[in-house]
Structure formats: C-alpha cells, structure tokens
Amino acid sequence: MDNNYGVPNGVPNGEQLERPMSLGDWLITIIVQAIPCVGIIMLFVWAFGQGNTNRRNYCRAALIMTAVGIVLGVIFYASMASMMVNLINSSYSY
C-alpha cells in the first residue's frame, strides 16, 4: 500500500488534479492586472470564469480588497469634506 489511505495515486475517483500556476502565469496575471481598464475587466473574467482555481481565488480576493478600498476611500473623503465644510462654516460665523 502506498499510504494514500486506499485511494490509488492519491486521487479520489480517478479525477485529475489541476496543475499549479507557473511563474510565467503569475507574471502575466499581475501585468494584465496593472493595465487600468483591462485589468479590472480581466479580474472579473478570471474570478467568475472557468479557469485555474488558484487564479480564480486570487482574482476574487483582489476584487474583495478593491471593494474594501473603495468603501474606505469614500468614507475617508466624505469625512474630510465634512470637516472642511465645518471649518469653513465656523470661520465665517462671528
């Protein structure tokens, strides 16, 4: 027995395991992601399409982090704008 707990070749039901992404695949993913409009479109394509599971999970995580960054940015800029309006209003009141 080959210590795979009764599963031949360590693969249940004869399924083929997905090959991991190579260094070149990761470089292409990161370079394409850096292109402004194309990058966000490709994040959606890779996140919700049929492809490599590693790339799909990475793109989903990148989209979540982008959404969190946008929400935090909106909150930050709204609070800064509110403080500026209050500062301007308080300087004009006698």
C-alpha atoms as a PDB file:
ATOM      1  CA  MET A   1       0.000   0.000   0.000  1.00  0.00           C
ATOM      2  CA  ASP A   2       1.270   3.469  -0.808  1.00  0.00           C
ATOM      3  CA  ASN A   3      -0.040   5.437   2.230  1.00  0.00           C
ATOM      4  CA  ASN A   4      -2.813   7.160   0.292  1.00  0.00           C
ATOM      5  CA  TYR A   5      -5.442   5.551   2.529  1.00  0.00           C
ATOM      6  CA  GLY A   6      -6.796   3.244  -0.125  1.00  0.00           C
ATOM      7  CA  VAL A   7      -7.048   5.849  -2.854  1.00  0.00           C
ATOM      8  CA  PRO A   8      -4.995   4.889  -5.902  1.00  0.00           C
ATOM      9  CA  ASN A   9      -2.346   7.505  -6.714  1.00  0.00           C
ATOM     10  CA  GLY A  10      -3.825   9.840  -4.093  1.00  0.00           C
ATOM     11  CA  VAL A  11      -6.593  10.985  -6.451  1.00  0.00           C
ATOM     12  CA  PRO A  12     -10.175  10.107  -5.425  1.00  0.00           C
ATOM     13  CA  ASN A  13     -12.493   8.691  -8.115  1.00  0.00           C
ATOM     14  CA  GLY A  14      -9.759   8.892 -10.730  1.00  0.00           C
ATOM     15  CA  GLU A  15     -10.086  12.695 -11.011  1.00  0.00           C
ATOM     16  CA  GLN A  16      -7.149  14.594 -12.409  1.00  0.00           C
ATOM     17  CA  LEU A  17      -5.637  17.243 -10.187  1.00  0.00           C
ATOM     18  CA  GLU A  18      -5.240  20.725 -11.591  1.00  0.00           C
ATOM     19  CA  ARG A  19      -1.680  21.796 -12.262  1.00  0.00           C
ATOM     20  CA  PRO A  20      -0.465  24.771 -10.222  1.00  0.00           C
ATOM     21  CA  MET A  21       0.121  28.072 -11.945  1.00  0.00           C
ATOM     22  CA  SER A  22       3.667  28.619 -13.129  1.00  0.00           C
ATOM     23  CA  LEU A  23       5.773  31.701 -12.503  1.00  0.00           C
ATOM     24  CA  GLY A  24       5.006  32.905 -16.028  1.00  0.00           C
ATOM     25  CA  ASP A  25       1.261  32.536 -15.438  1.00  0.00           C
ATOM     26  CA  TRP A  26       1.513  34.646 -12.283  1.00  0.00           C
ATOM     27  CA  LEU A  27       3.603  37.305 -14.056  1.00  0.00           C
ATOM     28  CA  ILE A  28       1.042  37.544 -16.860  1.00  0.00           C
ATOM     29  CA  THR A  29      -1.772  37.793 -14.321  1.00  0.00           C
ATOM     30  CA  ILE A  30      -0.067  40.622 -12.428  1.00  0.00           C
ATOM     31  CA  ILE A  31       0.978  42.508 -15.579  1.00  0.00           C
ATOM     32  CA  VAL A  32      -2.533  42.314 -17.074  1.00  0.00           C
ATOM     33  CA  GLN A  33      -3.998  43.399 -13.734  1.00  0.00           C
ATOM     34  CA  ALA A  34      -1.783  46.518 -13.808  1.00  0.00           C
ATOM     35  CA  ILE A  35      -3.362  47.765 -17.068  1.00  0.00           C
ATOM     36  CA  PRO A  36      -6.032  50.249 -15.896  1.00  0.00           C
ATOM     37  CA  CYS A  37      -9.305  49.313 -17.642  1.00  0.00           C
ATOM     38  CA  VAL A  38      -8.306  45.915 -18.961  1.00  0.00           C
ATOM     39  CA  GLY A  39      -7.106  44.830 -15.525  1.00  0.00           C
ATOM     40  CA  ILE A  40     -10.435  45.237 -13.766  1.00  0.00           C
ATOM     41  CA  ILE A  41     -12.308  43.554 -16.608  1.00  0.00           C
ATOM     42  CA  MET A  42      -9.889  40.619 -16.571  1.00  0.00           C
ATOM     43  CA  LEU A  43     -10.250  40.337 -12.788  1.00  0.00           C
ATOM     44  CA  PHE A  44     -13.975  39.769 -13.291  1.00  0.00           C
ATOM     45  CA  VAL A  45     -13.385  37.355 -16.189  1.00  0.00           C
ATOM     46  CA  TRP A  46     -10.848  35.308 -14.242  1.00  0.00           C
ATOM     47  CA  ALA A  47     -12.781  35.485 -10.955  1.00  0.00           C
ATOM     48  CA  PHE A  48     -16.064  34.168 -12.347  1.00  0.00           C
ATOM     49  CA  GLY A  49     -14.945  32.180 -15.387  1.00  0.00           C
ATOM     50  CA  GLN A  50     -13.820  28.606 -15.778  1.00  0.00           C
ATOM     51  CA  GLY A  51     -10.083  28.541 -15.332  1.00  0.00           C
ATOM     52  CA  ASN A  52      -7.338  27.744 -12.930  1.00  0.00           C
ATOM     53  CA  THR A  53      -8.637  27.568  -9.357  1.00  0.00           C
ATOM     54  CA  ASN A  54      -5.600  29.419  -7.999  1.00  0.00           C
ATOM     55  CA  ARG A  55      -6.083  32.354 -10.369  1.00  0.00           C
ATOM     56  CA  ARG A  56      -9.848  32.357  -9.748  1.00  0.00           C
ATOM     57  CA  ASN A  57      -9.399  32.567  -5.972  1.00  0.00           C
ATOM     58  CA  TYR A  58      -6.694  35.241  -6.289  1.00  0.00           C
ATOM     59  CA  CYS A  59      -8.907  37.383  -8.518  1.00  0.00           C
ATOM     60  CA  ARG A  60     -11.876  37.009  -6.182  1.00  0.00           C
ATOM     61  CA  ALA A  61      -9.703  38.108  -3.263  1.00  0.00           C
ATOM     62  CA  ALA A  62      -8.354  41.040  -5.307  1.00  0.00           C
ATOM     63  CA  LEU A  63     -11.903  42.152  -6.142  1.00  0.00           C
ATOM     64  CA  ILE A  64     -12.902  41.973  -2.470  1.00  0.00           C
ATOM     65  CA  MET A  65      -9.849  44.013  -1.452  1.00  0.00           C
ATOM     66  CA  THR A  66     -10.608  46.554  -4.198  1.00  0.00           C
ATOM     67  CA  ALA A  67     -14.190  46.902  -2.966  1.00  0.00           C
ATOM     68  CA  VAL A  68     -13.000  47.358   0.627  1.00  0.00           C
ATOM     69  CA  GLY A  69     -10.517  50.001  -0.531  1.00  0.00           C
ATOM     70  CA  ILE A  70     -13.190  51.877  -2.450  1.00  0.00           C
ATOM     71  CA  VAL A  71     -15.569  51.862   0.538  1.00  0.00           C
ATOM     72  CA  LEU A  72     -12.830  53.044   2.909  1.00  0.00           C
ATOM     73  CA  GLY A  73     -11.790  55.728   0.409  1.00  0.00           C
ATOM     74  CA  VAL A  74     -15.341  57.034   0.105  1.00  0.00           C
ATOM     75  CA  ILE A  75     -15.698  57.140   3.896  1.00  0.00           C
ATOM     76  CA  PHE A  76     -12.352  58.921   4.252  1.00  0.00           C
ATOM     77  CA  TYR A  77     -13.071  61.541   1.588  1.00  0.00           C
ATOM     78  CA  ALA A  78     -16.601  62.128   2.898  1.00  0.00           C
ATOM     79  CA  SER A  79     -15.273  62.717   6.402  1.00  0.00           C
ATOM     80  CA  MET A  80     -12.574  65.070   5.063  1.00  0.00           C
ATOM     81  CA  ALA A  81     -15.156  67.008   3.055  1.00  0.00           C
ATOM     82  CA  SER A  82     -17.394  67.239   6.122  1.00  0.00           C
ATOM     83  CA  MET A  83     -14.519  68.552   8.235  1.00  0.00           C
ATOM     84  CA  MET A  84     -13.629  71.140   5.578  1.00  0.00           C
ATOM     85  CA  VAL A  85     -17.230  72.341   5.342  1.00  0.00           C
ATOM     86  CA  ASN A  86     -17.429  72.617   9.126  1.00  0.00           C
ATOM     87  CA  LEU A  87     -14.125  74.503   9.216  1.00  0.00           C
ATOM     88  CA  ILE A  88     -15.253  76.954   6.539  1.00  0.00           C
ATOM     89  CA  ASN A  89     -18.642  77.460   8.204  1.00  0.00           C
ATOM     90  CA  SER A  90     -17.079  78.030  11.612  1.00  0.00           C
ATOM     91  CA  SER A  91     -14.647  80.622  10.242  1.00  0.00           C
ATOM     92  CA  TYR A  92     -17.489  82.731   8.814  1.00  0.00           C
ATOM     93  CA  SER A  93     -19.631  82.725  11.949  1.00  0.00           C
ATOM     94  CA  TYR A  94     -18.915  85.584  14.355  1.00  0.00           C
END
